[in-house]
């Protein structure tokens, strides 16, 4: 829970009836905190060059992120800008040095990262969840940047039956092969909504009858006193700076985990897992 990181550090929805949780849990010895690696994306995750990027967009490839050199001009770039606007893709304007870190080849001022995972819009997805007779159970990750934290959280989220994970279209961890691997493939089975304004998402959810809980060490309420059995969304924040002020301001309730030991920190993916499973417990008890 992003704010947890300062103190706690940093599909198909399943019924919570007992028959869906009578399987013995599977554990393995893979560590969610892998050894640190270079944060740059792997070669197979991105393409570069004006024409190749344009062709990928027109071919229906899912663009995770696109980086454009500041001050880029020209007729072909003008065509790319029109294409980005048409498909509602927001580019990140960066200096050429950043692009050169991705590749030393002739990138022509444009690098795009391709996602194997399709993206959805929450305003389209939420009505479907209600229409299917489900109780919405959502997770919002506010600028979570570590790929392996994201993958580990996605794995837990899919296990507990989260209907969708909402992320911002800028400032979030890339959904690349590392994320998919860390999620143990769970990212193929949970819907990801990429949105350009999380505060607006929170407002939309509230207007739709969904209670939004923000996880922060500044909260007075423990997670055990929150009511997760109704339609709800849980917000976890950035590993260093926590949940943004705007999103925090819009949340219905603030919640926290108890810390009684001398170590005043929990990894964000661990904290998120604890909260999600408390929500699962409440949902299971409510169905008895």
C-alpha atoms as a PDB file:
ATOM      1  CA  UNK A   1       0.000   0.000   0.000  1.00  0.00           C
ATOM      2  CA  UNK A   2       1.985   2.833  -1.261  1.00  0.00           C
ATOM      3  CA  UNK A   3       1.570   4.904   1.815  1.00  0.00           C
ATOM      4  CA  UNK A   4       2.278   1.674   3.573  1.00  0.00           C
ATOM      5  CA  UNK A   5       5.704   1.799   2.016  1.00  0.00           C
ATOM      6  CA  UNK A   6       6.732   4.682   4.176  1.00  0.00           C
ATOM      7  CA  UNK A   7       5.821   2.816   7.311  1.00  0.00           C
ATOM      8  CA  UNK A   8       4.942  -0.550   5.923  1.00  0.00           C
ATOM      9  CA  UNK A   9       7.498  -0.038   3.114  1.00  0.00           C
ATOM     10  CA  UNK A  10       7.874  -0.425   0.543  1.00  0.00           C
ATOM     11  CA  UNK A  11     -11.670 -12.287 -15.498  1.00  0.00           C
ATOM     12  CA  UNK A  12     -14.024 -14.045 -13.841  1.00  0.00           C
ATOM     13  CA  UNK A  13     -14.914 -13.095 -10.343  1.00  0.00           C
ATOM     14  CA  UNK A  14     -15.110 -16.054  -8.006  1.00  0.00           C
ATOM     15  CA  UNK A  15     -17.774 -16.649  -5.437  1.00  0.00           C
ATOM     16  CA  UNK A  16     -16.386 -16.743  -1.917  1.00  0.00           C
ATOM     17  CA  UNK A  17     -18.375 -19.825  -1.019  1.00  0.00           C
ATOM     18  CA  UNK A  18     -16.458 -22.616   0.656  1.00  0.00           C
ATOM     19  CA  UNK A  19     -16.425 -24.806  -2.437  1.00  0.00           C
ATOM     20  CA  UNK A  20     -14.137 -22.289  -4.121  1.00  0.00           C
ATOM     21  CA  UNK A  21     -11.685 -22.225  -1.245  1.00  0.00           C
ATOM     22  CA  UNK A  22     -11.519 -25.902  -0.351  1.00  0.00           C
ATOM     23  CA  UNK A  23      -8.443 -26.466  -2.471  1.00  0.00           C
ATOM     24  CA  UNK A  24      -5.184 -26.809  -0.627  1.00  0.00           C
ATOM     25  CA  UNK A  25      -3.136 -23.677  -1.271  1.00  0.00           C
ATOM     26  CA  UNK A  26      -0.069 -24.146  -3.416  1.00  0.00           C
ATOM     27  CA  UNK A  27       3.161 -22.688  -2.173  1.00  0.00           C
ATOM     28  CA  UNK A  28       6.566 -22.501  -3.753  1.00  0.00           C
ATOM     29  CA  UNK A  29       9.890 -21.123  -2.738  1.00  0.00           C
ATOM     30  CA  UNK A  30      10.042 -18.361  -5.294  1.00  0.00           C
ATOM     31  CA  UNK A  31      10.799 -15.047  -3.664  1.00  0.00           C
ATOM     32  CA  UNK A  32       8.676 -12.048  -4.638  1.00  0.00           C
ATOM     33  CA  UNK A  33      11.658  -9.876  -3.849  1.00  0.00           C
ATOM     34  CA  UNK A  34      14.033 -11.021  -6.591  1.00  0.00           C
ATOM     35  CA  UNK A  35      17.564  -9.740  -6.721  1.00  0.00           C
ATOM     36  CA  UNK A  36      17.806  -6.221  -8.104  1.00  0.00           C
ATOM     37  CA  UNK A  37      18.221  -5.991 -11.852  1.00  0.00           C
ATOM     38  CA  UNK A  38      18.475  -3.272 -14.412  1.00  0.00           C
ATOM     39  CA  UNK A  39      15.083  -1.536 -14.580  1.00  0.00           C
ATOM     40  CA  UNK A  40      15.171  -1.211 -18.350  1.00  0.00           C
ATOM     41  CA  UNK A  41      12.729  -3.298 -20.298  1.00  0.00           C
ATOM     42  CA  UNK A  42      13.808  -6.372 -22.205  1.00  0.00           C
ATOM     43  CA  UNK A  43      14.321  -6.127 -25.942  1.00  0.00           C
ATOM     44  CA  UNK A  44      11.285  -8.194 -26.850  1.00  0.00           C
ATOM     45  CA  UNK A  45       9.004  -5.789 -24.973  1.00  0.00           C
ATOM     46  CA  UNK A  46       9.532  -2.724 -27.157  1.00  0.00           C
ATOM     47  CA  UNK A  47       9.705  -1.457 -30.709  1.00  0.00           C
ATOM     48  CA  UNK A  48      11.199   1.747 -32.037  1.00  0.00           C
ATOM     49  CA  UNK A  49      11.063   3.982 -35.083  1.00  0.00           C
ATOM     50  CA  UNK A  50       8.211   6.106 -36.386  1.00  0.00           C
ATOM     51  CA  UNK A  51       6.794   3.722 -39.004  1.00  0.00           C
ATOM     52  CA  UNK A  52       7.124   0.521 -36.927  1.00  0.00           C
ATOM     53  CA  UNK A  53       5.331   2.161 -33.996  1.00  0.00           C
ATOM     54  CA  UNK A  54       2.564   3.468 -36.241  1.00  0.00           C
ATOM     55  CA  UNK A  55       2.110   0.060 -37.827  1.00  0.00           C
ATOM     56  CA  UNK A  56       1.939  -1.606 -34.417  1.00  0.00           C
ATOM     57  CA  UNK A  57      -0.804   0.794 -33.296  1.00  0.00           C
ATOM     58  CA  UNK A  58      -2.808   0.312 -36.475  1.00  0.00           C
ATOM     59  CA  UNK A  59      -2.399  -3.466 -36.167  1.00  0.00           C
ATOM     60  CA  UNK A  60      -4.158  -3.335 -32.817  1.00  0.00           C
ATOM     61  CA  UNK A  61      -1.149  -4.000 -30.595  1.00  0.00           C
ATOM     62  CA  UNK A  62      -1.676  -2.989 -26.966  1.00  0.00           C
ATOM     63  CA  UNK A  63       0.647  -0.100 -26.192  1.00  0.00           C
ATOM     64  CA  UNK A  64       1.780  -0.082 -22.584  1.00  0.00           C
ATOM     65  CA  UNK A  65       3.893   3.079 -22.779  1.00  0.00           C
ATOM     66  CA  UNK A  66       5.220   5.253 -25.574  1.00  0.00           C
ATOM     67  CA  UNK A  67       8.174   7.617 -25.228  1.00  0.00           C
ATOM     68  CA  UNK A  68       8.685  10.497 -27.660  1.00  0.00           C
ATOM     69  CA  UNK A  69      11.727  12.722 -27.878  1.00  0.00           C
ATOM     70  CA  UNK A  70      11.040  16.309 -26.850  1.00  0.00           C
ATOM     71  CA  UNK A  71      10.943  18.746 -29.775  1.00  0.00           C
ATOM     72  CA  UNK A  72      10.428  16.015 -32.358  1.00  0.00           C
ATOM     73  CA  UNK A  73       9.028  17.358 -35.631  1.00  0.00           C
ATOM     74  CA  UNK A  74       8.356  16.269 -39.183  1.00  0.00           C
ATOM     75  CA  UNK A  75       5.579  15.017 -41.405  1.00  0.00           C
ATOM     76  CA  UNK A  76       5.739  11.412 -40.240  1.00  0.00           C
ATOM     77  CA  UNK A  77       5.706  12.474 -36.595  1.00  0.00           C
ATOM     78  CA  UNK A  78       2.605  14.575 -37.315  1.00  0.00           C
ATOM     79  CA  UNK A  79       0.954  11.400 -38.617  1.00  0.00           C
ATOM     80  CA  UNK A  80       1.963   9.568 -35.445  1.00  0.00           C
ATOM     81  CA  UNK A  81       0.465  12.317 -33.258  1.00  0.00           C
ATOM     82  CA  UNK A  82      -2.847  12.025 -35.094  1.00  0.00           C
ATOM     83  CA  UNK A  83      -2.772   8.266 -34.602  1.00  0.00           C
ATOM     84  CA  UNK A  84      -2.049   8.599 -30.892  1.00  0.00           C
ATOM     85  CA  UNK A  85      -4.948  11.003 -30.520  1.00  0.00           C
ATOM     86  CA  UNK A  86      -7.254   8.707 -32.477  1.00  0.00           C
ATOM     87  CA  UNK A  87      -6.509   5.755 -30.204  1.00  0.00           C
ATOM     88  CA  UNK A  88      -6.370   7.842 -27.021  1.00  0.00           C
ATOM     89  CA  UNK A  89      -2.726   6.977 -26.306  1.00  0.00           C
ATOM     90  CA  UNK A  90      -0.856   9.526 -24.212  1.00  0.00           C
ATOM     91  CA  UNK A  91       2.867   9.793 -25.039  1.00  0.00           C
ATOM     92  CA  UNK A  92       5.607  10.514 -22.507  1.00  0.00           C
ATOM     93  CA  UNK A  93       7.850  13.334 -23.723  1.00  0.00           C
ATOM     94  CA  UNK A  94      11.436  12.599 -22.729  1.00  0.00           C
ATOM     95  CA  UNK A  95      14.996  13.706 -23.606  1.00  0.00           C
ATOM     96  CA  UNK A  96      16.854  11.739 -26.242  1.00  0.00           C
ATOM     97  CA  UNK A  97      19.193  10.358 -23.549  1.00  0.00           C
ATOM     98  CA  UNK A  98      16.348   8.317 -22.092  1.00  0.00           C
ATOM     99  CA  UNK A  99      15.546   6.826 -25.489  1.00  0.00           C
ATOM    100  CA  UNK A 100      19.204   5.997 -25.975  1.00  0.00           C
ATOM    101  CA  UNK A 101      19.106   3.969 -22.770  1.00  0.00           C
ATOM    102  CA  UNK A 102      16.453   1.772 -24.339  1.00  0.00           C
ATOM    103  CA  UNK A 103      18.356   1.252 -27.582  1.00  0.00           C
ATOM    104  CA  UNK A 104      21.411   2.606 -29.367  1.00  0.00           C
ATOM    105  CA  UNK A 105      19.869   1.888 -32.727  1.00  0.00           C
ATOM    106  CA  UNK A 106      18.122   4.499 -34.870  1.00  0.00           C
ATOM    107  CA  UNK A 107      14.932   4.964 -32.845  1.00  0.00           C
ATOM    108  CA  UNK A 108      13.968   8.185 -34.718  1.00  0.00           C
ATOM    109  CA  UNK A 109      12.843   9.718 -31.430  1.00  0.00           C
ATOM    110  CA  UNK A 110      10.142   7.149 -30.648  1.00  0.00           C
ATOM    111  CA  UNK A 111      10.117   4.020 -28.488  1.00  0.00           C
ATOM    112  CA  UNK A 112       6.936   2.093 -27.676  1.00  0.00           C
ATOM    113  CA  UNK A 113       6.511  -0.734 -25.204  1.00  0.00           C
ATOM    114  CA  UNK A 114       4.081  -3.473 -26.144  1.00  0.00           C
ATOM    115  CA  UNK A 115       1.954  -5.263 -23.583  1.00  0.00           C
ATOM    116  CA  UNK A 116       0.810  -8.859 -23.875  1.00  0.00           C
ATOM    117  CA  UNK A 117      -2.098  -7.894 -21.660  1.00  0.00           C
ATOM    118  CA  UNK A 118      -5.177  -6.104 -23.044  1.00  0.00           C
ATOM    119  CA  UNK A 119      -6.329  -2.984 -21.211  1.00  0.00           C
ATOM    120  CA  UNK A 120      -9.895  -2.106 -20.231  1.00  0.00           C
ATOM    121  CA  UNK A 121     -11.768   0.976 -19.069  1.00  0.00           C
ATOM    122  CA  UNK A 122     -13.412   0.852 -15.662  1.00  0.00           C
ATOM    123  CA  UNK A 123     -16.514   2.694 -16.861  1.00  0.00           C
ATOM    124  CA  UNK A 124     -17.116  -0.150 -19.320  1.00  0.00           C
ATOM    125  CA  UNK A 125     -16.157  -2.954 -16.975  1.00  0.00           C
ATOM    126  CA  UNK A 126     -18.019  -1.996 -13.793  1.00  0.00           C
ATOM    127  CA  UNK A 127     -21.535  -2.152 -15.335  1.00  0.00           C
ATOM    128  CA  UNK A 128     -20.707  -5.636 -16.650  1.00  0.00           C
ATOM    129  CA  UNK A 129     -19.705  -6.770 -13.159  1.00  0.00           C
ATOM    130  CA  UNK A 130     -23.002  -5.540 -11.722  1.00  0.00           C
ATOM    131  CA  UNK A 131     -25.021  -7.028 -14.593  1.00  0.00           C
ATOM    132  CA  UNK A 132     -23.468 -10.436 -13.917  1.00  0.00           C
ATOM    133  CA  UNK A 133     -24.793 -10.278 -10.375  1.00  0.00           C
ATOM    134  CA  UNK A 134     -21.372  -9.936  -8.775  1.00  0.00           C
ATOM    135  CA  UNK A 135     -20.306  -7.771  -5.854  1.00  0.00           C
ATOM    136  CA  UNK A 136     -17.488  -5.612  -7.280  1.00  0.00           C
ATOM    137  CA  UNK A 137     -14.108  -6.272  -5.650  1.00  0.00           C
ATOM    138  CA  UNK A 138     -11.509  -3.916  -7.120  1.00  0.00           C
ATOM    139  CA  UNK A 139      -7.884  -2.962  -6.540  1.00  0.00           C
ATOM    140  CA  UNK A 140      -6.367   0.420  -7.414  1.00  0.00           C
ATOM    141  CA  UNK A 141      -2.583   0.734  -7.597  1.00  0.00           C
ATOM    142  CA  UNK A 142      -1.626   4.402  -7.408  1.00  0.00           C
ATOM    143  CA  UNK A 143       1.718   4.786  -9.208  1.00  0.00           C
ATOM    144  CA  UNK A 144       3.229   1.520  -8.007  1.00  0.00           C
ATOM    145  CA  UNK A 145       6.552   1.436  -9.857  1.00  0.00           C
ATOM    146  CA  UNK A 146       8.333  -1.805  -8.985  1.00  0.00           C
ATOM    147  CA  UNK A 147       7.640  -4.471 -11.598  1.00  0.00           C
ATOM    148  CA  UNK A 148       8.052  -7.375  -9.178  1.00  0.00           C
ATOM    149  CA  UNK A 149       5.826  -5.782  -6.548  1.00  0.00           C
ATOM    150  CA  UNK A 150       3.206  -5.294  -9.229  1.00  0.00           C
ATOM    151  CA  UNK A 151       3.511  -8.879 -10.409  1.00  0.00           C
ATOM    152  CA  UNK A 152       3.313 -10.271  -6.877  1.00  0.00           C
ATOM    153  CA  UNK A 153       0.234  -8.169  -6.111  1.00  0.00           C
ATOM    154  CA  UNK A 154      -1.432  -9.248  -9.354  1.00  0.00           C
ATOM    155  CA  UNK A 155      -0.826 -12.869  -8.388  1.00  0.00           C
ATOM    156  CA  UNK A 156      -2.513 -12.411  -5.007  1.00  0.00           C
ATOM    157  CA  UNK A 157      -5.306 -10.337  -6.543  1.00  0.00           C
ATOM    158  CA  UNK A 158      -6.182 -13.060  -9.036  1.00  0.00           C
ATOM    159  CA  UNK A 159      -6.097 -15.704  -6.296  1.00  0.00           C
ATOM    160  CA  UNK A 160      -8.660 -13.821  -4.186  1.00  0.00           C
ATOM    161  CA  UNK A 161     -10.948 -13.063  -7.134  1.00  0.00           C
ATOM    162  CA  UNK A 162     -10.317  -9.372  -7.728  1.00  0.00           C
ATOM    163  CA  UNK A 163     -12.516  -8.244 -10.622  1.00  0.00           C
ATOM    164  CA  UNK A 164     -10.048  -5.671 -11.950  1.00  0.00           C
ATOM    165  CA  UNK A 165      -6.822  -3.878 -11.135  1.00  0.00           C
ATOM    166  CA  UNK A 166      -6.836  -0.166 -11.969  1.00  0.00           C
ATOM    167  CA  UNK A 167      -3.546   1.577 -12.769  1.00  0.00           C
ATOM    168  CA  UNK A 168      -2.640   5.046 -14.093  1.00  0.00           C
ATOM    169  CA  UNK A 169      -1.433   5.359 -17.655  1.00  0.00           C
ATOM    170  CA  UNK A 170       1.631   7.291 -16.474  1.00  0.00           C
ATOM    171  CA  UNK A 171       3.973   6.616 -13.580  1.00  0.00           C
ATOM    172  CA  UNK A 172       3.073   2.943 -13.162  1.00  0.00           C
ATOM    173  CA  UNK A 173       5.196  -0.183 -13.381  1.00  0.00           C
ATOM    174  CA  UNK A 174       5.431  -1.520 -16.945  1.00  0.00           C
ATOM    175  CA  UNK A 175       3.439  -4.646 -17.669  1.00  0.00           C
ATOM    176  CA  UNK A 176       6.244  -6.582 -19.276  1.00  0.00           C
ATOM    177  CA  UNK A 177       7.605 -10.109 -19.249  1.00  0.00           C
ATOM    178  CA  UNK A 178       9.078  -9.625 -15.766  1.00  0.00           C
ATOM    179  CA  UNK A 179       5.696  -8.595 -14.376  1.00  0.00           C
ATOM    180  CA  UNK A 180       3.982 -11.552 -16.028  1.00  0.00           C
ATOM    181  CA  UNK A 181       6.622 -13.956 -14.755  1.00  0.00           C
ATOM    182  CA  UNK A 182       6.432 -12.622 -11.192  1.00  0.00           C
ATOM    183  CA  UNK A 183       2.649 -12.911 -11.305  1.00  0.00           C
ATOM    184  CA  UNK A 184       3.045 -16.613 -12.229  1.00  0.00           C
ATOM    185  CA  UNK A 185       0.829 -15.884 -15.241  1.00  0.00           C
ATOM    186  CA  UNK A 186      -1.962 -14.364 -13.149  1.00  0.00           C
ATOM    187  CA  UNK A 187      -1.883 -11.218 -15.289  1.00  0.00           C
ATOM    188  CA  UNK A 188      -3.408 -13.272 -18.090  1.00  0.00           C
ATOM    189  CA  UNK A 189      -6.431 -13.955 -15.877  1.00  0.00           C
ATOM    190  CA  UNK A 190      -7.195 -10.634 -14.199  1.00  0.00           C
ATOM    191  CA  UNK A 191      -8.456  -7.558 -16.021  1.00  0.00           C
ATOM    192  CA  UNK A 192      -6.246  -4.459 -16.017  1.00  0.00           C
ATOM    193  CA  UNK A 193      -7.826  -1.021 -16.392  1.00  0.00           C
ATOM    194  CA  UNK A 194      -5.472   1.752 -17.439  1.00  0.00           C
ATOM    195  CA  UNK A 195      -6.823   5.223 -16.625  1.00  0.00           C
ATOM    196  CA  UNK A 196      -5.453   8.746 -17.005  1.00  0.00           C
ATOM    197  CA  UNK A 197      -6.949  10.140 -13.762  1.00  0.00           C
ATOM    198  CA  UNK A 198      -7.336   7.933 -10.690  1.00  0.00           C
ATOM    199  CA  UNK A 199      -9.189  10.621  -8.734  1.00  0.00           C
ATOM    200  CA  UNK A 200     -11.869  10.632 -11.426  1.00  0.00           C
ATOM    201  CA  UNK A 201     -11.958   6.830 -11.214  1.00  0.00           C
ATOM    202  CA  UNK A 202     -12.579   7.067  -7.468  1.00  0.00           C
ATOM    203  CA  UNK A 203     -15.427   9.542  -8.063  1.00  0.00           C
ATOM    204  CA  UNK A 204     -16.954   7.251 -10.688  1.00  0.00           C
ATOM    205  CA  UNK A 205     -16.774   4.242  -8.387  1.00  0.00           C
ATOM    206  CA  UNK A 206     -18.382   6.137  -5.516  1.00  0.00           C
ATOM    207  CA  UNK A 207     -21.205   7.349  -7.736  1.00  0.00           C
ATOM    208  CA  UNK A 208     -21.704   3.710  -8.753  1.00  0.00           C
ATOM    209  CA  UNK A 209     -22.081   2.519  -5.167  1.00  0.00           C
ATOM    210  CA  UNK A 210     -18.532   1.290  -4.579  1.00  0.00           C
ATOM    211  CA  UNK A 211     -16.796   2.173  -1.297  1.00  0.00           C
ATOM    212  CA  UNK A 212     -13.151   3.182  -1.755  1.00  0.00           C
ATOM    213  CA  UNK A 213     -10.637   2.308   0.991  1.00  0.00           C
ATOM    214  CA  UNK A 214      -7.208   3.989   1.021  1.00  0.00           C
ATOM    215  CA  UNK A 215      -4.412   2.073   2.737  1.00  0.00           C
ATOM    216  CA  UNK A 216      -2.215   4.420   4.759  1.00  0.00           C
ATOM    217  CA  UNK A 217      -0.277   4.314   8.011  1.00  0.00           C
ATOM    218  CA  UNK A 218      -1.925   7.627   8.922  1.00  0.00           C
ATOM    219  CA  UNK A 219      -5.316   5.967   9.278  1.00  0.00           C
ATOM    220  CA  UNK A 220      -6.998   5.422  12.628  1.00  0.00           C
ATOM    221  CA  UNK A 221      -9.141   2.500  11.492  1.00  0.00           C
ATOM    222  CA  UNK A 222      -7.654  -0.990  11.360  1.00  0.00           C
ATOM    223  CA  UNK A 223      -8.473  -3.182   8.376  1.00  0.00           C
ATOM    224  CA  UNK A 224     -10.441  -5.499  10.700  1.00  0.00           C
ATOM    225  CA  UNK A 225     -12.919  -2.683  11.418  1.00  0.00           C
ATOM    226  CA  UNK A 226     -13.587  -1.941   7.752  1.00  0.00           C
ATOM    227  CA  UNK A 227     -16.518  -3.525   5.940  1.00  0.00           C
ATOM    228  CA  UNK A 228     -15.360  -5.208   2.733  1.00  0.00           C
ATOM    229  CA  UNK A 229     -18.390  -7.408   2.099  1.00  0.00           C
ATOM    230  CA  UNK A 230     -20.153  -4.721   0.044  1.00  0.00           C
ATOM    231  CA  UNK A 231     -18.903  -3.386  -3.323  1.00  0.00           C
ATOM    232  CA  UNK A 232     -15.443  -2.040  -2.595  1.00  0.00           C
ATOM    233  CA  UNK A 233     -12.137  -0.888  -4.027  1.00  0.00           C
ATOM    234  CA  UNK A 234      -8.852  -0.922  -2.132  1.00  0.00           C
ATOM    235  CA  UNK A 235      -6.167   1.646  -2.988  1.00  0.00           C
ATOM    236  CA  UNK A 236      -2.454   0.907  -2.557  1.00  0.00           C
ATOM    237  CA  UNK A 237       0.106   3.618  -3.233  1.00  0.00           C
ATOM    238  CA  UNK A 238       3.593   4.254  -4.484  1.00  0.00           C
ATOM    239  CA  UNK A 239       6.456   2.481  -2.692  1.00  0.00           C
ATOM    240  CA  UNK A 240       8.073   5.757  -1.634  1.00  0.00           C
ATOM    241  CA  UNK A 241       5.498   8.550  -1.687  1.00  0.00           C
ATOM    242  CA  UNK A 242       2.321   6.627  -0.959  1.00  0.00           C
ATOM    243  CA  UNK A 243      -1.124   7.440  -2.261  1.00  0.00           C
ATOM    244  CA  UNK A 244      -1.390  10.789  -4.016  1.00  0.00           C
ATOM    245  CA  UNK A 245      -3.093  13.584  -2.080  1.00  0.00           C
ATOM    246  CA  UNK A 246      -5.839  13.883  -4.679  1.00  0.00           C
ATOM    247  CA  UNK A 247      -6.766  10.200  -4.521  1.00  0.00           C
ATOM    248  CA  UNK A 248      -6.441  10.138  -0.734  1.00  0.00           C
ATOM    249  CA  UNK A 249      -8.753  13.131  -0.462  1.00  0.00           C
ATOM    250  CA  UNK A 250     -11.441  11.403  -2.521  1.00  0.00           C
ATOM    251  CA  UNK A 251     -11.335   8.046  -0.702  1.00  0.00           C
ATOM    252  CA  UNK A 252     -14.263   7.091   1.548  1.00  0.00           C
ATOM    253  CA  UNK A 253     -12.204   5.546   4.332  1.00  0.00           C
ATOM    254  CA  UNK A 254      -8.562   5.230   5.373  1.00  0.00           C
ATOM    255  CA  UNK A 255      -7.362   1.908   6.767  1.00  0.00           C
ATOM    256  CA  UNK A 256      -4.137   0.459   8.131  1.00  0.00           C
ATOM    257  CA  UNK A 257      -2.484  -2.741   9.270  1.00  0.00           C
ATOM    258  CA  UNK A 258      -1.314  -3.174  12.864  1.00  0.00           C
ATOM    259  CA  UNK A 259       2.428  -3.130  13.463  1.00  0.00           C
ATOM    260  CA  UNK A 260       3.512  -4.329  16.899  1.00  0.00           C
ATOM    261  CA  UNK A 261       7.137  -5.315  16.357  1.00  0.00           C
ATOM    262  CA  UNK A 262      10.255  -3.183  16.247  1.00  0.00           C
ATOM    263  CA  UNK A 263      10.463  -3.348  12.459  1.00  0.00           C
ATOM    264  CA  UNK A 264       8.060  -0.672  11.293  1.00  0.00           C
ATOM    265  CA  UNK A 265       7.854  -1.771   7.693  1.00  0.00           C
ATOM    266  CA  UNK A 266       6.101  -4.194   5.382  1.00  0.00           C
ATOM    267  CA  UNK A 267       6.688  -4.656   1.697  1.00  0.00           C
ATOM    268  CA  UNK A 268       3.767  -3.180  -0.260  1.00  0.00           C
ATOM    269  CA  UNK A 269       2.903  -6.517  -1.876  1.00  0.00           C
ATOM    270  CA  UNK A 270       2.831  -8.207   1.550  1.00  0.00           C
ATOM    271  CA  UNK A 271       0.671  -5.439   3.015  1.00  0.00           C
ATOM    272  CA  UNK A 272      -1.683  -5.648   0.045  1.00  0.00           C
ATOM    273  CA  UNK A 273      -1.995  -9.406   0.446  1.00  0.00           C
ATOM    274  CA  UNK A 274      -2.910  -9.033   4.120  1.00  0.00           C
ATOM    275  CA  UNK A 275      -5.667  -6.562   3.305  1.00  0.00           C
ATOM    276  CA  UNK A 276      -7.060  -8.583   0.424  1.00  0.00           C
ATOM    277  CA  UNK A 277      -7.276 -11.721   2.527  1.00  0.00           C
ATOM    278  CA  UNK A 278      -9.056  -9.859   5.322  1.00  0.00           C
ATOM    279  CA  UNK A 279     -11.589  -8.844   2.678  1.00  0.00           C
ATOM    280  CA  UNK A 280     -11.841 -12.491   1.602  1.00  0.00           C
ATOM    281  CA  UNK A 281     -12.413 -13.589   5.195  1.00  0.00           C
ATOM    282  CA  UNK A 282     -15.262 -11.104   5.593  1.00  0.00           C
ATOM    283  CA  UNK A 283     -16.840 -12.162   2.325  1.00  0.00           C
ATOM    284  CA  UNK A 284     -16.677 -15.830   3.288  1.00  0.00           C
ATOM    285  CA  UNK A 285     -18.183 -15.170   6.710  1.00  0.00           C
ATOM    286  CA  UNK A 286     -20.942 -13.135   5.066  1.00  0.00           C
ATOM    287  CA  UNK A 287     -21.929 -16.112   2.907  1.00  0.00           C
ATOM    288  CA  UNK A 288     -22.272 -18.535   5.811  1.00  0.00           C
END
